[in-house]
Amino acid sequence: MMYSIAILRQALENKEISVDRRDYKDISSEFIPQRIFAVRQSNRLSRNVFAETIGVTAKSVANWECGLTIPTGASLERICNAFDLENSYFERI
């Protein structure tokens, strides 16, 4: 059964499920890091301003954009709320 990234992140954060690191790689492979960069650039924001807007560090934003890490469900939700986006915008279909 396939779940969206947002649903899986929410379940992980609420400790409703536990995930093996191999499963986490499957989740991260569905995330499109270039979309974070696209949102930031289309709004003409520096990493620092983008980070302040959603309450994270510029380093976190850089890591997301490079695909080194993926945003938590809460961070992704703040991005979606701040820029009027759906969670699915960041997922591979």
Foldseek 3Di string as FASTA:
>chain_A
DDDALLVVLVCVVVVVDDDDVVVVVVSLVFFDLCVLVVLCVVVPHDLCVLCVQQVHHSVVNVCSNVSVDNDGSSSLVSSCVSRVHDSCSGGDD
